[in-house]
Amino acid sequence: MFTWMYWTPEVALFFGCIVVMLAGMTMWELRSPTTERKGFLPISTTRGDRLFIGLLAAAYVNLAWIGISAEGSNSWPGFVASVLVLLAIMWKG
């Protein structure tokens, strides 16, 4: 069923984290609606905006890691870097 994609534990964990974040953000938004605020991003953003921007940035970090690393190398550093970028955008963005 999923043979079209190169599924590794890192990739599965990455997409699993995205699903958990989307579900958690939905519950958080239902319990406590967000207000716009200004962080280091050049626009005023809500939690959902920062999540979207952070997920895009995390995907680009993962793609960059795949592009610069050697074939068959470890993917965990790219995963860790993408999580750190996402957390920074969600916290201070």
PDB file of N, CA and C in Angstrom:
ATOM      1  N   MET A   1       0.818  -1.197   0.000  1.00  0.00           N
ATOM      2  CA  MET A   1       0.000   0.000   0.000  1.00  0.00           C
ATOM      3  C   MET A   1       0.865   1.266   0.000  1.00  0.00           C
ATOM      4  N   PHE A   2       1.941   1.285   0.794  1.00  0.00           N
ATOM      5  CA  PHE A   2       2.788   2.467   0.888  1.00  0.00           C
ATOM      6  C   PHE A   2       4.134   2.247   0.208  1.00  0.00           C
ATOM      7  N   THR A   3       4.163   1.435  -0.813  1.00  0.00           N
ATOM      8  CA  THR A   3       5.429   1.132  -1.479  1.00  0.00           C
ATOM      9  C   THR A   3       5.938   2.275  -2.335  1.00  0.00           C
ATOM     10  N   TRP A   4       5.124   3.275  -2.613  1.00  0.00           N
ATOM     11  CA  TRP A   4       5.541   4.395  -3.442  1.00  0.00           C
ATOM     12  C   TRP A   4       6.475   5.342  -2.699  1.00  0.00           C
ATOM     13  N   MET A   5       6.561   5.212  -1.373  1.00  0.00           N
ATOM     14  CA  MET A   5       7.394   6.118  -0.590  1.00  0.00           C
ATOM     15  C   MET A   5       8.432   5.328   0.194  1.00  0.00           C
ATOM     16  N   TYR A   6       9.568   5.935   0.391  1.00  0.00           N
ATOM     17  CA  TYR A   6      10.653   5.311   1.144  1.00  0.00           C
ATOM     18  C   TYR A   6      10.376   5.487   2.632  1.00  0.00           C
ATOM     19  N   TRP A   7       9.706   4.517   3.246  1.00  0.00           N
ATOM     20  CA  TRP A   7       9.333   4.607   4.646  1.00  0.00           C
ATOM     21  C   TRP A   7      10.448   4.079   5.527  1.00  0.00           C
ATOM     22  N   THR A   8      10.981   4.968   6.328  1.00  0.00           N
ATOM     23  CA  THR A   8      11.958   4.596   7.342  1.00  0.00           C
ATOM     24  C   THR A   8      11.335   4.947   8.693  1.00  0.00           C
ATOM     25  N   PRO A   9      11.914   4.488   9.782  1.00  0.00           N
ATOM     26  CA  PRO A   9      11.374   4.878  11.093  1.00  0.00           C
ATOM     27  C   PRO A   9      11.352   6.404  11.284  1.00  0.00           C
ATOM     28  N   GLU A  10      12.360   7.093  10.747  1.00  0.00           N
ATOM     29  CA  GLU A  10      12.414   8.548  10.888  1.00  0.00           C
ATOM     30  C   GLU A  10      11.257   9.223  10.154  1.00  0.00           C
ATOM     31  N   VAL A  11      10.973   8.756   8.946  1.00  0.00           N
ATOM     32  CA  VAL A  11       9.881   9.334   8.152  1.00  0.00           C
ATOM     33  C   VAL A  11       8.541   9.057   8.819  1.00  0.00           C
ATOM     34  N   ALA A  12       8.352   7.828   9.287  1.00  0.00           N
ATOM     35  CA  ALA A  12       7.102   7.474   9.960  1.00  0.00           C
ATOM     36  C   ALA A  12       6.918   8.305  11.232  1.00  0.00           C
ATOM     37  N   LEU A  13       7.983   8.496  11.985  1.00  0.00           N
ATOM     38  CA  LEU A  13       7.910   9.307  13.197  1.00  0.00           C
ATOM     39  C   LEU A  13       7.597  10.762  12.864  1.00  0.00           C
ATOM     40  N   PHE A  14       8.210  11.282  11.811  1.00  0.00           N
ATOM     41  CA  PHE A  14       7.967  12.657  11.394  1.00  0.00           C
ATOM     42  C   PHE A  14       6.485  12.870  11.058  1.00  0.00           C
ATOM     43  N   PHE A  15       5.912  11.993  10.243  1.00  0.00           N
ATOM     44  CA  PHE A  15       4.503  12.142   9.878  1.00  0.00           C
ATOM     45  C   PHE A  15       3.584  11.858  11.063  1.00  0.00           C
ATOM     46  N   GLY A  16       3.972  10.935  11.922  1.00  0.00           N
ATOM     47  CA  GLY A  16       3.195  10.697  13.135  1.00  0.00           C
ATOM     48  C   GLY A  16       3.152  11.927  14.025  1.00  0.00           C
ATOM     49  N   CYS A  17       4.288  12.615  14.147  1.00  0.00           N
ATOM     50  CA  CYS A  17       4.345  13.854  14.931  1.00  0.00           C
ATOM     51  C   CYS A  17       3.444  14.925  14.333  1.00  0.00           C
ATOM     52  N   ILE A  18       3.400  15.004  13.014  1.00  0.00           N
ATOM     53  CA  ILE A  18       2.533  15.984  12.360  1.00  0.00           C
ATOM     54  C   ILE A  18       1.067  15.704  12.697  1.00  0.00           C
ATOM     55  N   VAL A  19       0.659  14.449  12.641  1.00  0.00           N
ATOM     56  CA  VAL A  19      -0.720  14.087  12.970  1.00  0.00           C
ATOM     57  C   VAL A  19      -1.036  14.445  14.422  1.00  0.00           C
ATOM     58  N   VAL A  20      -0.135  14.137  15.335  1.00  0.00           N
ATOM     59  CA  VAL A  20      -0.343  14.443  16.751  1.00  0.00           C
ATOM     60  C   VAL A  20      -0.419  15.963  16.959  1.00  0.00           C
ATOM     61  N   MET A  21       0.456  16.724  16.278  1.00  0.00           N
ATOM     62  CA  MET A  21       0.427  18.187  16.413  1.00  0.00           C
ATOM     63  C   MET A  21      -0.876  18.775  15.893  1.00  0.00           C
ATOM     64  N   LEU A  22      -1.347  18.296  14.754  1.00  0.00           N
ATOM     65  CA  LEU A  22      -2.605  18.814  14.200  1.00  0.00           C
ATOM     66  C   LEU A  22      -3.780  18.512  15.129  1.00  0.00           C
ATOM     67  N   ALA A  23      -3.816  17.317  15.679  1.00  0.00           N
ATOM     68  CA  ALA A  23      -4.893  16.974  16.612  1.00  0.00           C
ATOM     69  C   ALA A  23      -4.795  17.811  17.886  1.00  0.00           C
ATOM     70  N   GLY A  24      -3.587  17.953  18.417  1.00  0.00           N
ATOM     71  CA  GLY A  24      -3.398  18.761  19.619  1.00  0.00           C
ATOM     72  C   GLY A  24      -3.739  20.231  19.399  1.00  0.00           C
ATOM     73  N   MET A  25      -3.327  20.770  18.267  1.00  0.00           N
ATOM     74  CA  MET A  25      -3.636  22.179  17.970  1.00  0.00           C
ATOM     75  C   MET A  25      -5.139  22.390  17.801  1.00  0.00           C
ATOM     76  N   THR A  26      -5.827  21.414  17.222  1.00  0.00           N
ATOM     77  CA  THR A  26      -7.278  21.518  17.079  1.00  0.00           C
ATOM     78  C   THR A  26      -7.941  21.565  18.447  1.00  0.00           C
ATOM     79  N   MET A  27      -7.535  20.683  19.346  1.00  0.00           N
ATOM     80  CA  MET A  27      -8.106  20.674  20.694  1.00  0.00           C
ATOM     81  C   MET A  27      -7.776  21.969  21.444  1.00  0.00           C
ATOM     82  N   TRP A  28      -6.531  22.431  21.312  1.00  0.00           N
ATOM     83  CA  TRP A  28      -6.112  23.663  21.979  1.00  0.00           C
ATOM     84  C   TRP A  28      -6.918  24.851  21.458  1.00  0.00           C
ATOM     85  N   GLU A  29      -7.143  24.906  20.165  1.00  0.00           N
ATOM     86  CA  GLU A  29      -7.896  26.015  19.567  1.00  0.00           C
ATOM     87  C   GLU A  29      -9.358  25.979  20.010  1.00  0.00           C
ATOM     88  N   LEU A  30      -9.923  24.795  20.140  1.00  0.00           N
ATOM     89  CA  LEU A  30     -11.307  24.695  20.598  1.00  0.00           C
ATOM     90  C   LEU A  30     -11.441  25.121  22.055  1.00  0.00           C
ATOM     91  N   ARG A  31     -10.460  24.803  22.876  1.00  0.00           N
ATOM     92  CA  ARG A  31     -10.513  25.161  24.296  1.00  0.00           C
ATOM     93  C   ARG A  31     -10.137  26.617  24.549  1.00  0.00           C
ATOM     94  N   SER A  32      -9.191  27.140  23.773  1.00  0.00           N
ATOM     95  CA  SER A  32      -8.681  28.489  23.999  1.00  0.00           C
ATOM     96  C   SER A  32      -8.386  29.150  22.649  1.00  0.00           C
ATOM     97  N   PRO A  33      -9.360  29.899  22.108  1.00  0.00           N
ATOM     98  CA  PRO A  33      -9.113  30.547  20.814  1.00  0.00           C
ATOM     99  C   PRO A  33      -7.897  31.474  20.872  1.00  0.00           C
ATOM    100  N   THR A  34      -7.175  31.524  19.775  1.00  0.00           N
ATOM    101  CA  THR A  34      -5.921  32.257  19.724  1.00  0.00           C
ATOM    102  C   THR A  34      -6.131  33.713  19.335  1.00  0.00           C
ATOM    103  N   THR A  35      -5.138  34.526  19.661  1.00  0.00           N
ATOM    104  CA  THR A  35      -5.101  35.916  19.209  1.00  0.00           C
ATOM    105  C   THR A  35      -3.795  36.116  18.442  1.00  0.00           C
ATOM    106  N   GLU A  36      -3.801  37.074  17.541  1.00  0.00           N
ATOM    107  CA  GLU A  36      -2.587  37.343  16.773  1.00  0.00           C
ATOM    108  C   GLU A  36      -1.536  37.992  17.660  1.00  0.00           C
ATOM    109  N   ARG A  37      -0.278  37.650  17.391  1.00  0.00           N
ATOM    110  CA  ARG A  37       0.830  38.304  18.087  1.00  0.00           C
ATOM    111  C   ARG A  37       1.999  38.433  17.135  1.00  0.00           C
ATOM    112  N   LYS A  38       2.930  39.296  17.500  1.00  0.00           N
ATOM    113  CA  LYS A  38       4.103  39.564  16.674  1.00  0.00           C
ATOM    114  C   LYS A  38       5.317  38.981  17.365  1.00  0.00           C
ATOM    115  N   GLY A  39       6.055  38.138  16.649  1.00  0.00           N
ATOM    116  CA  GLY A  39       7.301  37.570  17.143  1.00  0.00           C
ATOM    117  C   GLY A  39       8.419  37.950  16.198  1.00  0.00           C
ATOM    118  N   PHE A  40       9.359  37.023  15.964  1.00  0.00           N
ATOM    119  CA  PHE A  40      10.462  37.334  15.050  1.00  0.00           C
ATOM    120  C   PHE A  40      10.057  37.207  13.588  1.00  0.00           C
ATOM    121  N   LEU A  41       8.904  36.590  13.318  1.00  0.00           N
ATOM    122  CA  LEU A  41       8.421  36.545  11.942  1.00  0.00           C
ATOM    123  C   LEU A  41       7.959  37.943  11.532  1.00  0.00           C
ATOM    124  N   PRO A  42       8.068  38.293  10.256  1.00  0.00           N
ATOM    125  CA  PRO A  42       7.753  39.664   9.845  1.00  0.00           C
ATOM    126  C   PRO A  42       6.259  39.974   9.760  1.00  0.00           C
ATOM    127  N   ILE A  43       5.409  39.071  10.221  1.00  0.00           N
ATOM    128  CA  ILE A  43       3.966  39.289  10.185  1.00  0.00           C
ATOM    129  C   ILE A  43       3.366  38.910  11.530  1.00  0.00           C
ATOM    130  N   SER A  44       2.179  39.434  11.807  1.00  0.00           N
ATOM    131  CA  SER A  44       1.446  38.996  12.994  1.00  0.00           C
ATOM    132  C   SER A  44       0.834  37.641  12.691  1.00  0.00           C
ATOM    133  N   THR A  45       0.972  36.697  13.623  1.00  0.00           N
ATOM    134  CA  THR A  45       0.528  35.337  13.368  1.00  0.00           C
ATOM    135  C   THR A  45      -0.289  34.788  14.526  1.00  0.00           C
ATOM    136  N   THR A  46      -1.120  33.814  14.209  1.00  0.00           N
ATOM    137  CA  THR A  46      -1.834  33.039  15.218  1.00  0.00           C
ATOM    138  C   THR A  46      -1.072  31.728  15.415  1.00  0.00           C
ATOM    139  N   ARG A  47      -1.510  30.919  16.375  1.00  0.00           N
ATOM    140  CA  ARG A  47      -0.874  29.615  16.585  1.00  0.00           C
ATOM    141  C   ARG A  47      -0.936  28.759  15.332  1.00  0.00           C
ATOM    142  N   GLY A  48      -2.071  28.764  14.657  1.00  0.00           N
ATOM    143  CA  GLY A  48      -2.223  27.976  13.439  1.00  0.00           C
ATOM    144  C   GLY A  48      -1.293  28.438  12.334  1.00  0.00           C
ATOM    145  N   ASP A  49      -1.137  29.765  12.208  1.00  0.00           N
ATOM    146  CA  ASP A  49      -0.202  30.298  11.210  1.00  0.00           C
ATOM    147  C   ASP A  49       1.220  29.841  11.493  1.00  0.00           C
ATOM    148  N   ARG A  50       1.614  29.932  12.769  1.00  0.00           N
ATOM    149  CA  ARG A  50       2.969  29.520  13.135  1.00  0.00           C
ATOM    150  C   ARG A  50       3.179  28.022  12.940  1.00  0.00           C
ATOM    151  N   LEU A  51       2.136  27.215  13.203  1.00  0.00           N
ATOM    152  CA  LEU A  51       2.250  25.782  12.960  1.00  0.00           C
ATOM    153  C   LEU A  51       2.449  25.517  11.468  1.00  0.00           C
ATOM    154  N   PHE A  52       1.667  26.166  10.629  1.00  0.00           N
ATOM    155  CA  PHE A  52       1.790  25.973   9.184  1.00  0.00           C
ATOM    156  C   PHE A  52       3.178  26.391   8.685  1.00  0.00           C
ATOM    157  N   ILE A  53       3.625  27.573   9.097  1.00  0.00           N
ATOM    158  CA  ILE A  53       4.947  28.055   8.688  1.00  0.00           C
ATOM    159  C   ILE A  53       6.033  27.131   9.239  1.00  0.00           C
ATOM    160  N   GLY A  54       5.871  26.688  10.479  1.00  0.00           N
ATOM    161  CA  GLY A  54       6.844  25.784  11.085  1.00  0.00           C
ATOM    162  C   GLY A  54       6.901  24.431  10.395  1.00  0.00           C
ATOM    163  N   LEU A  55       5.757  23.893   9.994  1.00  0.00           N
ATOM    164  CA  LEU A  55       5.744  22.617   9.278  1.00  0.00           C
ATOM    165  C   LEU A  55       6.409  22.748   7.914  1.00  0.00           C
ATOM    166  N   LEU A  56       6.168  23.860   7.232  1.00  0.00           N
ATOM    167  CA  LEU A  56       6.847  24.087   5.956  1.00  0.00           C
ATOM    168  C   LEU A  56       8.357  24.176   6.164  1.00  0.00           C
ATOM    169  N   ALA A  57       8.769  24.927   7.173  1.00  0.00           N
ATOM    170  CA  ALA A  57      10.200  25.063   7.444  1.00  0.00           C
ATOM    171  C   ALA A  57      10.812  23.713   7.819  1.00  0.00           C
ATOM    172  N   ALA A  58      10.106  22.915   8.623  1.00  0.00           N
ATOM    173  CA  ALA A  58      10.603  21.600   9.009  1.00  0.00           C
ATOM    174  C   ALA A  58      10.751  20.692   7.793  1.00  0.00           C
ATOM    175  N   ALA A  59       9.801  20.756   6.884  1.00  0.00           N
ATOM    176  CA  ALA A  59       9.899  19.950   5.660  1.00  0.00           C
ATOM    177  C   ALA A  59      11.109  20.366   4.839  1.00  0.00           C
ATOM    178  N   TYR A  60      11.345  21.678   4.727  1.00  0.00           N
ATOM    179  CA  TYR A  60      12.509  22.151   3.972  1.00  0.00           C
ATOM    180  C   TYR A  60      13.819  21.742   4.640  1.00  0.00           C
ATOM    181  N   VAL A  61      13.861  21.763   5.962  1.00  0.00           N
ATOM    182  CA  VAL A  61      15.065  21.322   6.673  1.00  0.00           C
ATOM    183  C   VAL A  61      15.311  19.836   6.404  1.00  0.00           C
ATOM    184  N   ASN A  62      14.252  19.037   6.452  1.00  0.00           N
ATOM    185  CA  ASN A  62      14.409  17.608   6.152  1.00  0.00           C
ATOM    186  C   ASN A  62      14.886  17.389   4.722  1.00  0.00           C
ATOM    187  N   LEU A  63      14.308  18.109   3.776  1.00  0.00           N
ATOM    188  CA  LEU A  63      14.739  17.974   2.381  1.00  0.00           C
ATOM    189  C   LEU A  63      16.186  18.416   2.208  1.00  0.00           C
ATOM    190  N   ALA A  64      16.560  19.494   2.879  1.00  0.00           N
ATOM    191  CA  ALA A  64      17.949  19.959   2.792  1.00  0.00           C
ATOM    192  C   ALA A  64      18.899  18.909   3.367  1.00  0.00           C
ATOM    193  N   TRP A  65      18.514  18.289   4.482  1.00  0.00           N
ATOM    194  CA  TRP A  65      19.361  17.263   5.072  1.00  0.00           C
ATOM    195  C   TRP A  65      19.533  16.088   4.117  1.00  0.00           C
ATOM    196  N   ILE A  66      18.444  15.681   3.496  1.00  0.00           N
ATOM    197  CA  ILE A  66      18.527  14.582   2.531  1.00  0.00           C
ATOM    198  C   ILE A  66      19.426  14.975   1.364  1.00  0.00           C
ATOM    199  N   GLY A  67      19.322  16.228   0.940  1.00  0.00           N
ATOM    200  CA  GLY A  67      20.111  16.692  -0.195  1.00  0.00           C
ATOM    201  C   GLY A  67      21.604  16.785   0.086  1.00  0.00           C
ATOM    202  N   ILE A  68      21.977  17.143   1.317  1.00  0.00           N
ATOM    203  CA  ILE A  68      23.402  17.339   1.602  1.00  0.00           C
ATOM    204  C   ILE A  68      24.075  16.123   2.227  1.00  0.00           C
ATOM    205  N   SER A  69      23.275  15.182   2.734  1.00  0.00           N
ATOM    206  CA  SER A  69      23.891  14.021   3.378  1.00  0.00           C
ATOM    207  C   SER A  69      24.189  12.942   2.343  1.00  0.00           C
ATOM    208  N   ALA A  70      25.095  12.081   2.709  1.00  0.00           N
ATOM    209  CA  ALA A  70      25.493  10.984   1.818  1.00  0.00           C
ATOM    210  C   ALA A  70      24.399   9.921   1.790  1.00  0.00           C
ATOM    211  N   GLU A  71      24.319   9.214   0.697  1.00  0.00           N
ATOM    212  CA  GLU A  71      23.323   8.157   0.568  1.00  0.00           C
ATOM    213  C   GLU A  71      23.586   7.087   1.617  1.00  0.00           C
ATOM    214  N   GLY A  72      22.527   6.694   2.286  1.00  0.00           N
ATOM    215  CA  GLY A  72      22.649   5.678   3.325  1.00  0.00           C
ATOM    216  C   GLY A  72      23.062   6.220   4.676  1.00  0.00           C
ATOM    217  N   SER A  73      23.213   7.553   4.798  1.00  0.00           N
ATOM    218  CA  SER A  73      23.620   8.111   6.087  1.00  0.00           C
ATOM    219  C   SER A  73      22.419   8.207   7.028  1.00  0.00           C
ATOM    220  N   ASN A  74      22.690   8.565   8.243  1.00  0.00           N
ATOM    221  CA  ASN A  74      21.682   8.646   9.285  1.00  0.00           C
ATOM    222  C   ASN A  74      20.753   9.843   9.044  1.00  0.00           C
ATOM    223  N   SER A  75      19.441   9.615   9.190  1.00  0.00           N
ATOM    224  CA  SER A  75      18.455  10.683   8.987  1.00  0.00           C
ATOM    225  C   SER A  75      18.061  11.384  10.270  1.00  0.00           C
ATOM    226  N   TRP A  76      18.482  10.863  11.422  1.00  0.00           N
ATOM    227  CA  TRP A  76      18.066  11.447  12.696  1.00  0.00           C
ATOM    228  C   TRP A  76      18.518  12.890  12.897  1.00  0.00           C
ATOM    229  N   PRO A  77      19.723  13.282  12.490  1.00  0.00           N
ATOM    230  CA  PRO A  77      20.085  14.701  12.665  1.00  0.00           C
ATOM    231  C   PRO A  77      19.148  15.655  11.909  1.00  0.00           C
ATOM    232  N   GLY A  78      18.714  15.276  10.744  1.00  0.00           N
ATOM    233  CA  GLY A  78      17.758  16.094   9.999  1.00  0.00           C
ATOM    234  C   GLY A  78      16.421  16.183  10.704  1.00  0.00           C
ATOM    235  N   PHE A  79      15.982  15.079  11.285  1.00  0.00           N
ATOM    236  CA  PHE A  79      14.737  15.069  12.042  1.00  0.00           C
ATOM    237  C   PHE A  79      14.838  15.981  13.260  1.00  0.00           C
ATOM    238  N   VAL A  80      15.935  15.864  13.991  1.00  0.00           N
ATOM    239  CA  VAL A  80      16.130  16.688  15.196  1.00  0.00           C
ATOM    240  C   VAL A  80      16.187  18.174  14.823  1.00  0.00           C
ATOM    241  N   ALA A  81      16.904  18.493  13.752  1.00  0.00           N
ATOM    242  CA  ALA A  81      16.997  19.893  13.320  1.00  0.00           C
ATOM    243  C   ALA A  81      15.624  20.430  12.920  1.00  0.00           C
ATOM    244  N   SER A  82      14.830  19.623  12.232  1.00  0.00           N
ATOM    245  CA  SER A  82      13.511  20.095  11.814  1.00  0.00           C
ATOM    246  C   SER A  82      12.590  20.310  13.009  1.00  0.00           C
ATOM    247  N   VAL A  83      12.681  19.447  14.019  1.00  0.00           N
ATOM    248  CA  VAL A  83      11.875  19.630  15.228  1.00  0.00           C
ATOM    249  C   VAL A  83      12.293  20.911  15.956  1.00  0.00           C
ATOM    250  N   LEU A  84      13.589  21.166  16.031  1.00  0.00           N
ATOM    251  CA  LEU A  84      14.068  22.387  16.692  1.00  0.00           C
ATOM    252  C   LEU A  84      13.599  23.641  15.959  1.00  0.00           C
ATOM    253  N   VAL A  85      13.630  23.614  14.632  1.00  0.00           N
ATOM    254  CA  VAL A  85      13.144  24.755  13.853  1.00  0.00           C
ATOM    255  C   VAL A  85      11.654  24.962  14.097  1.00  0.00           C
ATOM    256  N   LEU A  86      10.890  23.890  14.080  1.00  0.00           N
ATOM    257  CA  LEU A  86       9.452  23.981  14.324  1.00  0.00           C
ATOM    258  C   LEU A  86       9.166  24.537  15.710  1.00  0.00           C
ATOM    259  N   LEU A  87       9.872  24.041  16.716  1.00  0.00           N
ATOM    260  CA  LEU A  87       9.651  24.537  18.088  1.00  0.00           C
ATOM    261  C   LEU A  87      10.010  26.004  18.216  1.00  0.00           C
ATOM    262  N   ALA A  88      11.098  26.430  17.569  1.00  0.00           N
ATOM    263  CA  ALA A  88      11.487  27.846  17.630  1.00  0.00           C
ATOM    264  C   ALA A  88      10.418  28.732  16.995  1.00  0.00           C
ATOM    265  N   ILE A  89       9.876  28.309  15.888  1.00  0.00           N
ATOM    266  CA  ILE A  89       8.839  29.110  15.213  1.00  0.00           C
ATOM    267  C   ILE A  89       7.563  29.133  16.040  1.00  0.00           C
ATOM    268  N   MET A  90       7.197  28.003  16.620  1.00  0.00           N
ATOM    269  CA  MET A  90       5.975  27.970  17.433  1.00  0.00           C
ATOM    270  C   MET A  90       6.130  28.799  18.711  1.00  0.00           C
ATOM    271  N   TRP A  91       7.311  28.795  19.292  1.00  0.00           N
ATOM    272  CA  TRP A  91       7.515  29.470  20.578  1.00  0.00           C
ATOM    273  C   TRP A  91       7.739  30.958  20.419  1.00  0.00           C
ATOM    274  N   LYS A  92       8.626  31.369  19.530  1.00  0.00           N
ATOM    275  CA  LYS A  92       8.992  32.775  19.416  1.00  0.00           C
ATOM    276  C   LYS A  92       8.559  33.438  18.108  1.00  0.00           C
ATOM    277  N   GLY A  93       8.021  32.660  17.181  1.00  0.00           N
ATOM    278  CA  GLY A  93       7.659  33.210  15.874  1.00  0.00           C
ATOM    279  C   GLY A  93       6.476  34.092  15.954  1.00  0.00           C
TER     280      GLY A  93
END
